[in-house]
Amino acid sequence: MVESALKVGDQVRLIAETLAWRAEIALQGQIGEIIERREDGRITIRFDNGRLLMAREPESFELVSSLGLEAKGK
């Protein structure tokens, strides 16, 4: 399970078509960094625009590889 492997410092983005993705229109396709992982497994993510998503379930996020970013020119 990838979600359990997410850790502080990882780059993530919202998984398309999830409830969180639908609720956060401005963050769709954006990449953020995990800045906190709580004991209960919830994570806090900071996006480049300064937006924070606090205490979110990790199942709504996918890990973004740095190689994938370079290949897409981001």
PDB file of N, CA and C in Angstrom:
ATOM      1  N   MET A   1       0.836  -1.180   0.000  1.00  0.00           N
ATOM      2  CA  MET A   1       0.000   0.000   0.000  1.00  0.00           C
ATOM      3  C   MET A   1       0.883   1.246   0.000  1.00  0.00           C
ATOM      4  N   VAL A   2       0.797   2.073  -1.039  1.00  0.00           N
ATOM      5  CA  VAL A   2       1.641   3.245  -1.201  1.00  0.00           C
ATOM      6  C   VAL A   2       1.367   4.284  -0.126  1.00  0.00           C
ATOM      7  N   GLU A   3       0.091   4.480   0.257  1.00  0.00           N
ATOM      8  CA  GLU A   3      -0.264   5.513   1.213  1.00  0.00           C
ATOM      9  C   GLU A   3       0.510   5.378   2.520  1.00  0.00           C
ATOM     10  N   SER A   4       0.703   4.148   2.977  1.00  0.00           N
ATOM     11  CA  SER A   4       1.400   3.951   4.241  1.00  0.00           C
ATOM     12  C   SER A   4       2.882   4.262   4.120  1.00  0.00           C
ATOM     13  N   ALA A   5       3.396   4.326   2.895  1.00  0.00           N
ATOM     14  CA  ALA A   5       4.806   4.615   2.676  1.00  0.00           C
ATOM     15  C   ALA A   5       5.077   6.115   2.576  1.00  0.00           C
ATOM     16  N   LEU A   6       4.035   6.949   2.532  1.00  0.00           N
ATOM     17  CA  LEU A   6       4.236   8.388   2.427  1.00  0.00           C
ATOM     18  C   LEU A   6       4.895   8.902   3.701  1.00  0.00           C
ATOM     19  N   LYS A   7       5.874   9.789   3.507  1.00  0.00           N
ATOM     20  CA  LYS A   7       6.606  10.323   4.661  1.00  0.00           C
ATOM     21  C   LYS A   7       6.871  11.809   4.462  1.00  0.00           C
ATOM     22  N   VAL A   8       7.286  12.466   5.516  1.00  0.00           N
ATOM     23  CA  VAL A   8       7.607  13.887   5.462  1.00  0.00           C
ATOM     24  C   VAL A   8       8.680  14.109   4.400  1.00  0.00           C
ATOM     25  N   GLY A   9       8.444  15.118   3.564  1.00  0.00           N
ATOM     26  CA  GLY A   9       9.375  15.451   2.484  1.00  0.00           C
ATOM     27  C   GLY A   9       8.961  14.904   1.128  1.00  0.00           C
ATOM     28  N   ASP A  10       8.060  13.928   1.107  1.00  0.00           N
ATOM     29  CA  ASP A  10       7.599  13.366  -0.161  1.00  0.00           C
ATOM     30  C   ASP A  10       6.777  14.388  -0.941  1.00  0.00           C
ATOM     31  N   GLN A  11       6.892  14.326  -2.260  1.00  0.00           N
ATOM     32  CA  GLN A  11       6.088  15.145  -3.165  1.00  0.00           C
ATOM     33  C   GLN A  11       4.856  14.335  -3.562  1.00  0.00           C
ATOM     34  N   VAL A  12       3.674  14.929  -3.421  1.00  0.00           N
ATOM     35  CA  VAL A  12       2.428  14.225  -3.706  1.00  0.00           C
ATOM     36  C   VAL A  12       1.472  15.129  -4.475  1.00  0.00           C
ATOM     37  N   ARG A  13       0.451  14.504  -5.038  1.00  0.00           N
ATOM     38  CA  ARG A  13      -0.658  15.246  -5.637  1.00  0.00           C
ATOM     39  C   ARG A  13      -1.938  14.484  -5.350  1.00  0.00           C
ATOM     40  N   LEU A  14      -3.049  15.201  -5.455  1.00  0.00           N
ATOM     41  CA  LEU A  14      -4.361  14.588  -5.224  1.00  0.00           C
ATOM     42  C   LEU A  14      -4.653  13.577  -6.319  1.00  0.00           C
ATOM     43  N   ILE A  15      -5.220  12.456  -5.939  1.00  0.00           N
ATOM     44  CA  ILE A  15      -5.625  11.440  -6.906  1.00  0.00           C
ATOM     45  C   ILE A  15      -6.916  11.916  -7.566  1.00  0.00           C
ATOM     46  N   ALA A  16      -6.931  11.899  -8.895  1.00  0.00           N
ATOM     47  CA  ALA A  16      -8.087  12.369  -9.653  1.00  0.00           C
ATOM     48  C   ALA A  16      -9.350  11.593  -9.288  1.00  0.00           C
ATOM     49  N   GLU A  17     -10.437  12.326  -9.269  1.00  0.00           N
ATOM     50  CA  GLU A  17     -11.789  11.806  -9.039  1.00  0.00           C
ATOM     51  C   GLU A  17     -12.075  11.382  -7.597  1.00  0.00           C
ATOM     52  N   THR A  18     -11.153  11.625  -6.669  1.00  0.00           N
ATOM     53  CA  THR A  18     -11.452  11.355  -5.261  1.00  0.00           C
ATOM     54  C   THR A  18     -12.274  12.515  -4.701  1.00  0.00           C
ATOM     55  N   LEU A  19     -12.871  12.312  -3.551  1.00  0.00           N
ATOM     56  CA  LEU A  19     -13.661  13.354  -2.917  1.00  0.00           C
ATOM     57  C   LEU A  19     -12.801  14.597  -2.632  1.00  0.00           C
ATOM     58  N   ALA A  20     -11.591  14.391  -2.129  1.00  0.00           N
ATOM     59  CA  ALA A  20     -10.699  15.517  -1.844  1.00  0.00           C
ATOM     60  C   ALA A  20     -10.335  16.266  -3.124  1.00  0.00           C
ATOM     61  N   TRP A  21     -10.112  15.551  -4.212  1.00  0.00           N
ATOM     62  CA  TRP A  21      -9.776  16.157  -5.502  1.00  0.00           C
ATOM     63  C   TRP A  21     -10.927  17.045  -5.976  1.00  0.00           C
ATOM     64  N   ARG A  22     -12.152  16.554  -5.833  1.00  0.00           N
ATOM     65  CA  ARG A  22     -13.324  17.335  -6.248  1.00  0.00           C
ATOM     66  C   ARG A  22     -13.503  18.579  -5.375  1.00  0.00           C
ATOM     67  N   ALA A  23     -13.165  18.476  -4.106  1.00  0.00           N
ATOM     68  CA  ALA A  23     -13.344  19.584  -3.175  1.00  0.00           C
ATOM     69  C   ALA A  23     -12.273  20.667  -3.327  1.00  0.00           C
ATOM     70  N   GLU A  24     -11.131  20.313  -3.862  1.00  0.00           N
ATOM     71  CA  GLU A  24     -10.002  21.243  -3.953  1.00  0.00           C
ATOM     72  C   GLU A  24      -9.680  21.554  -5.414  1.00  0.00           C
ATOM     73  N   ILE A  25     -10.590  22.244  -6.080  1.00  0.00           N
ATOM     74  CA  ILE A  25     -10.454  22.529  -7.510  1.00  0.00           C
ATOM     75  C   ILE A  25      -9.138  23.256  -7.825  1.00  0.00           C
ATOM     76  N   ALA A  26      -8.741  24.205  -7.009  1.00  0.00           N
ATOM     77  CA  ALA A  26      -7.532  24.985  -7.268  1.00  0.00           C
ATOM     78  C   ALA A  26      -6.261  24.145  -7.160  1.00  0.00           C
ATOM     79  N   LEU A  27      -6.339  22.999  -6.505  1.00  0.00           N
ATOM     80  CA  LEU A  27      -5.141  22.172  -6.307  1.00  0.00           C
ATOM     81  C   LEU A  27      -5.085  20.967  -7.237  1.00  0.00           C
ATOM     82  N   GLN A  28      -6.073  20.809  -8.097  1.00  0.00           N
ATOM     83  CA  GLN A  28      -6.070  19.678  -9.016  1.00  0.00           C
ATOM     84  C   GLN A  28      -4.853  19.773  -9.934  1.00  0.00           C
ATOM     85  N   GLY A  29      -4.047  18.729  -9.944  1.00  0.00           N
ATOM     86  CA  GLY A  29      -2.843  18.688 -10.767  1.00  0.00           C
ATOM     87  C   GLY A  29      -1.630  19.340 -10.136  1.00  0.00           C
ATOM     88  N   GLN A  30      -1.804  20.000  -9.003  1.00  0.00           N
ATOM     89  CA  GLN A  30      -0.689  20.658  -8.325  1.00  0.00           C
ATOM     90  C   GLN A  30       0.082  19.650  -7.471  1.00  0.00           C
ATOM     91  N   ILE A  31       1.346  19.933  -7.273  1.00  0.00           N
ATOM     92  CA  ILE A  31       2.198  19.062  -6.466  1.00  0.00           C
ATOM     93  C   ILE A  31       2.535  19.775  -5.173  1.00  0.00           C
ATOM     94  N   GLY A  32       2.405  19.039  -4.078  1.00  0.00           N
ATOM     95  CA  GLY A  32       2.716  19.584  -2.768  1.00  0.00           C
ATOM     96  C   GLY A  32       3.697  18.685  -2.028  1.00  0.00           C
ATOM     97  N   GLU A  33       4.200  19.199  -0.919  1.00  0.00           N
ATOM     98  CA  GLU A  33       5.163  18.454  -0.104  1.00  0.00           C
ATOM     99  C   GLU A  33       4.541  18.112   1.241  1.00  0.00           C
ATOM    100  N   ILE A  34       4.713  16.880   1.666  1.00  0.00           N
ATOM    101  CA  ILE A  34       4.229  16.479   2.988  1.00  0.00           C
ATOM    102  C   ILE A  34       5.132  17.127   4.031  1.00  0.00           C
ATOM    103  N   ILE A  35       4.516  17.886   4.937  1.00  0.00           N
ATOM    104  CA  ILE A  35       5.303  18.563   5.966  1.00  0.00           C
ATOM    105  C   ILE A  35       5.044  17.992   7.354  1.00  0.00           C
ATOM    106  N   GLU A  36       4.031  17.113   7.461  1.00  0.00           N
ATOM    107  CA  GLU A  36       3.732  16.499   8.757  1.00  0.00           C
ATOM    108  C   GLU A  36       3.025  15.169   8.532  1.00  0.00           C
ATOM    109  N   ARG A  37       3.380  14.203   9.350  1.00  0.00           N
ATOM    110  CA  ARG A  37       2.654  12.930   9.390  1.00  0.00           C
ATOM    111  C   ARG A  37       2.327  12.664  10.849  1.00  0.00           C
ATOM    112  N   ARG A  38       1.051  12.586  11.147  1.00  0.00           N
ATOM    113  CA  ARG A  38       0.598  12.409  12.528  1.00  0.00           C
ATOM    114  C   ARG A  38       0.610  10.949  12.930  1.00  0.00           C
ATOM    115  N   GLU A  39       0.516  10.722  14.230  1.00  0.00           N
ATOM    116  CA  GLU A  39       0.500   9.350  14.751  1.00  0.00           C
ATOM    117  C   GLU A  39      -0.666   8.542  14.203  1.00  0.00           C
ATOM    118  N   ASP A  40      -1.796   9.218  13.922  1.00  0.00           N
ATOM    119  CA  ASP A  40      -2.956   8.506  13.395  1.00  0.00           C
ATOM    120  C   ASP A  40      -2.863   8.262  11.884  1.00  0.00           C
ATOM    121  N   GLY A  41      -1.751   8.688  11.265  1.00  0.00           N
ATOM    122  CA  GLY A  41      -1.525   8.437   9.846  1.00  0.00           C
ATOM    123  C   GLY A  41      -1.922   9.580   8.934  1.00  0.00           C
ATOM    124  N   ARG A  42      -2.653  10.555   9.453  1.00  0.00           N
ATOM    125  CA  ARG A  42      -3.052  11.691   8.621  1.00  0.00           C
ATOM    126  C   ARG A  42      -1.831  12.544   8.280  1.00  0.00           C
ATOM    127  N   ILE A  43      -1.923  13.240   7.144  1.00  0.00           N
ATOM    128  CA  ILE A  43      -0.786  14.037   6.682  1.00  0.00           C
ATOM    129  C   ILE A  43      -1.202  15.489   6.433  1.00  0.00           C
ATOM    130  N   THR A  44      -0.213  16.383   6.501  1.00  0.00           N
ATOM    131  CA  THR A  44      -0.398  17.782   6.153  1.00  0.00           C
ATOM    132  C   THR A  44       0.499  18.072   4.958  1.00  0.00           C
ATOM    133  N   ILE A  45      -0.069  18.718   3.934  1.00  0.00           N
ATOM    134  CA  ILE A  45       0.648  18.985   2.691  1.00  0.00           C
ATOM    135  C   ILE A  45       0.677  20.483   2.445  1.00  0.00           C
ATOM    136  N   ARG A  46       1.851  21.009   2.040  1.00  0.00           N
ATOM    137  CA  ARG A  46       1.993  22.409   1.656  1.00  0.00           C
ATOM    138  C   ARG A  46       2.204  22.469   0.146  1.00  0.00           C
ATOM    139  N   PHE A  47       1.414  23.296  -0.511  1.00  0.00           N
ATOM    140  CA  PHE A  47       1.528  23.483  -1.949  1.00  0.00           C
ATOM    141  C   PHE A  47       2.309  24.754  -2.247  1.00  0.00           C
ATOM    142  N   ASP A  48       2.821  24.886  -3.471  1.00  0.00           N
ATOM    143  CA  ASP A  48       3.652  26.030  -3.856  1.00  0.00           C
ATOM    144  C   ASP A  48       2.954  27.373  -3.658  1.00  0.00           C
ATOM    145  N   ASN A  49       1.646  27.391  -3.790  1.00  0.00           N
ATOM    146  CA  ASN A  49       0.909  28.645  -3.619  1.00  0.00           C
ATOM    147  C   ASN A  49       0.688  28.984  -2.142  1.00  0.00           C
ATOM    148  N   GLY A  50       1.265  28.201  -1.240  1.00  0.00           N
ATOM    149  CA  GLY A  50       1.147  28.446   0.194  1.00  0.00           C
ATOM    150  C   GLY A  50      -0.032  27.758   0.853  1.00  0.00           C
ATOM    151  N   ARG A  51      -0.876  27.153   0.079  1.00  0.00           N
ATOM    152  CA  ARG A  51      -2.063  26.469   0.610  1.00  0.00           C
ATOM    153  C   ARG A  51      -1.656  25.244   1.412  1.00  0.00           C
ATOM    154  N   LEU A  52      -2.283  25.044   2.550  1.00  0.00           N
ATOM    155  CA  LEU A  52      -2.057  23.875   3.391  1.00  0.00           C
ATOM    156  C   LEU A  52      -3.312  23.019   3.424  1.00  0.00           C
ATOM    157  N   LEU A  53      -3.138  21.732   3.271  1.00  0.00           N
ATOM    158  CA  LEU A  53      -4.208  20.778   3.542  1.00  0.00           C
ATOM    159  C   LEU A  53      -3.777  20.035   4.788  1.00  0.00           C
ATOM    160  N   MET A  54      -4.487  20.265   5.876  1.00  0.00           N
ATOM    161  CA  MET A  54      -4.063  19.735   7.163  1.00  0.00           C
ATOM    162  C   MET A  54      -4.865  18.510   7.562  1.00  0.00           C
ATOM    163  N   ALA A  55      -4.172  17.549   8.166  1.00  0.00           N
ATOM    164  CA  ALA A  55      -4.779  16.343   8.740  1.00  0.00           C
ATOM    165  C   ALA A  55      -5.669  15.620   7.736  1.00  0.00           C
ATOM    166  N   ARG A  56      -5.135  15.350   6.560  1.00  0.00           N
ATOM    167  CA  ARG A  56      -5.887  14.658   5.512  1.00  0.00           C
ATOM    168  C   ARG A  56      -5.542  13.178   5.488  1.00  0.00           C
ATOM    169  N   GLU A  57      -6.491  12.389   5.035  1.00  0.00           N
ATOM    170  CA  GLU A  57      -6.269  10.950   4.873  1.00  0.00           C
ATOM    171  C   GLU A  57      -5.291  10.749   3.710  1.00  0.00           C
ATOM    172  N   PRO A  58      -4.263   9.946   3.880  1.00  0.00           N
ATOM    173  CA  PRO A  58      -3.268   9.764   2.813  1.00  0.00           C
ATOM    174  C   PRO A  58      -3.804   9.037   1.581  1.00  0.00           C
ATOM    175  N   GLU A  59      -4.934   8.369   1.700  1.00  0.00           N
ATOM    176  CA  GLU A  59      -5.476   7.618   0.570  1.00  0.00           C
ATOM    177  C   GLU A  59      -5.881   8.514  -0.594  1.00  0.00           C
ATOM    178  N   SER A  60      -6.037   9.824  -0.346  1.00  0.00           N
ATOM    179  CA  SER A  60      -6.429  10.767  -1.398  1.00  0.00           C
ATOM    180  C   SER A  60      -5.240  11.294  -2.193  1.00  0.00           C
ATOM    181  N   PHE A  61      -4.026  10.851  -1.851  1.00  0.00           N
ATOM    182  CA  PHE A  61      -2.817  11.387  -2.480  1.00  0.00           C
ATOM    183  C   PHE A  61      -1.980  10.279  -3.096  1.00  0.00           C
ATOM    184  N   GLU A  62      -1.260  10.669  -4.160  1.00  0.00           N
ATOM    185  CA  GLU A  62      -0.328   9.734  -4.780  1.00  0.00           C
ATOM    186  C   GLU A  62       1.062  10.352  -4.781  1.00  0.00           C
ATOM    187  N   LEU A  63       2.046   9.503  -4.625  1.00  0.00           N
ATOM    188  CA  LEU A  63       3.440   9.916  -4.632  1.00  0.00           C
ATOM    189  C   LEU A  63       3.831  10.312  -6.043  1.00  0.00           C
ATOM    190  N   VAL A  64       4.567  11.412  -6.165  1.00  0.00           N
ATOM    191  CA  VAL A  64       5.046  11.880  -7.461  1.00  0.00           C
ATOM    192  C   VAL A  64       6.545  11.646  -7.501  1.00  0.00           C
ATOM    193  N   SER A  65       7.003  10.915  -8.498  1.00  0.00           N
ATOM    194  CA  SER A  65       8.449  10.674  -8.601  1.00  0.00           C
ATOM    195  C   SER A  65       9.134  11.860  -9.235  1.00  0.00           C
ATOM    196  N   SER A  66      10.338  12.164  -8.811  1.00  0.00           N
ATOM    197  CA  SER A  66      11.083  13.287  -9.372  1.00  0.00           C
ATOM    198  C   SER A  66      11.420  13.031 -10.832  1.00  0.00           C
ATOM    199  N   LEU A  67      11.603  11.774 -11.225  1.00  0.00           N
ATOM    200  CA  LEU A  67      11.881  11.466 -12.617  1.00  0.00           C
ATOM    201  C   LEU A  67      10.687  11.793 -13.497  1.00  0.00           C
ATOM    202  N   GLY A  68       9.486  11.529 -12.990  1.00  0.00           N
ATOM    203  CA  GLY A  68       8.272  11.833 -13.735  1.00  0.00           C
ATOM    204  C   GLY A  68       8.106  13.322 -13.958  1.00  0.00           C
ATOM    205  N   LEU A  69       8.499  14.138 -12.991  1.00  0.00           N
ATOM    206  CA  LEU A  69       8.404  15.575 -13.130  1.00  0.00           C
ATOM    207  C   LEU A  69       9.343  16.075 -14.209  1.00  0.00           C
ATOM    208  N   GLU A  70      10.573  15.584 -14.216  1.00  0.00           N
ATOM    209  CA  GLU A  70      11.548  16.015 -15.219  1.00  0.00           C
ATOM    210  C   GLU A  70      11.102  15.603 -16.618  1.00  0.00           C
ATOM    211  N   ALA A  71      10.530  14.424 -16.737  1.00  0.00           N
ATOM    212  CA  ALA A  71      10.097  13.932 -18.039  1.00  0.00           C
ATOM    213  C   ALA A  71       8.955  14.760 -18.595  1.00  0.00           C
ATOM    214  N   LYS A  72       8.126  15.325 -17.715  1.00  0.00           N
ATOM    215  CA  LYS A  72       7.000  16.133 -18.162  1.00  0.00           C
ATOM    216  C   LYS A  72       7.371  17.603 -18.315  1.00  0.00           C
ATOM    217  N   GLY A  73       8.598  17.951 -17.977  1.00  0.00           N
ATOM    218  CA  GLY A  73       9.049  19.322 -18.111  1.00  0.00           C
ATOM    219  C   GLY A  73       8.546  20.258 -17.041  1.00  0.00           C
ATOM    220  N   LYS A  74       8.220  19.741 -15.872  1.00  0.00           N
ATOM    221  CA  LYS A  74       7.727  20.585 -14.778  1.00  0.00           C
ATOM    222  C   LYS A  74       8.849  20.918 -13.835  1.00  0.00           C
TER     223      LYS A  74
END
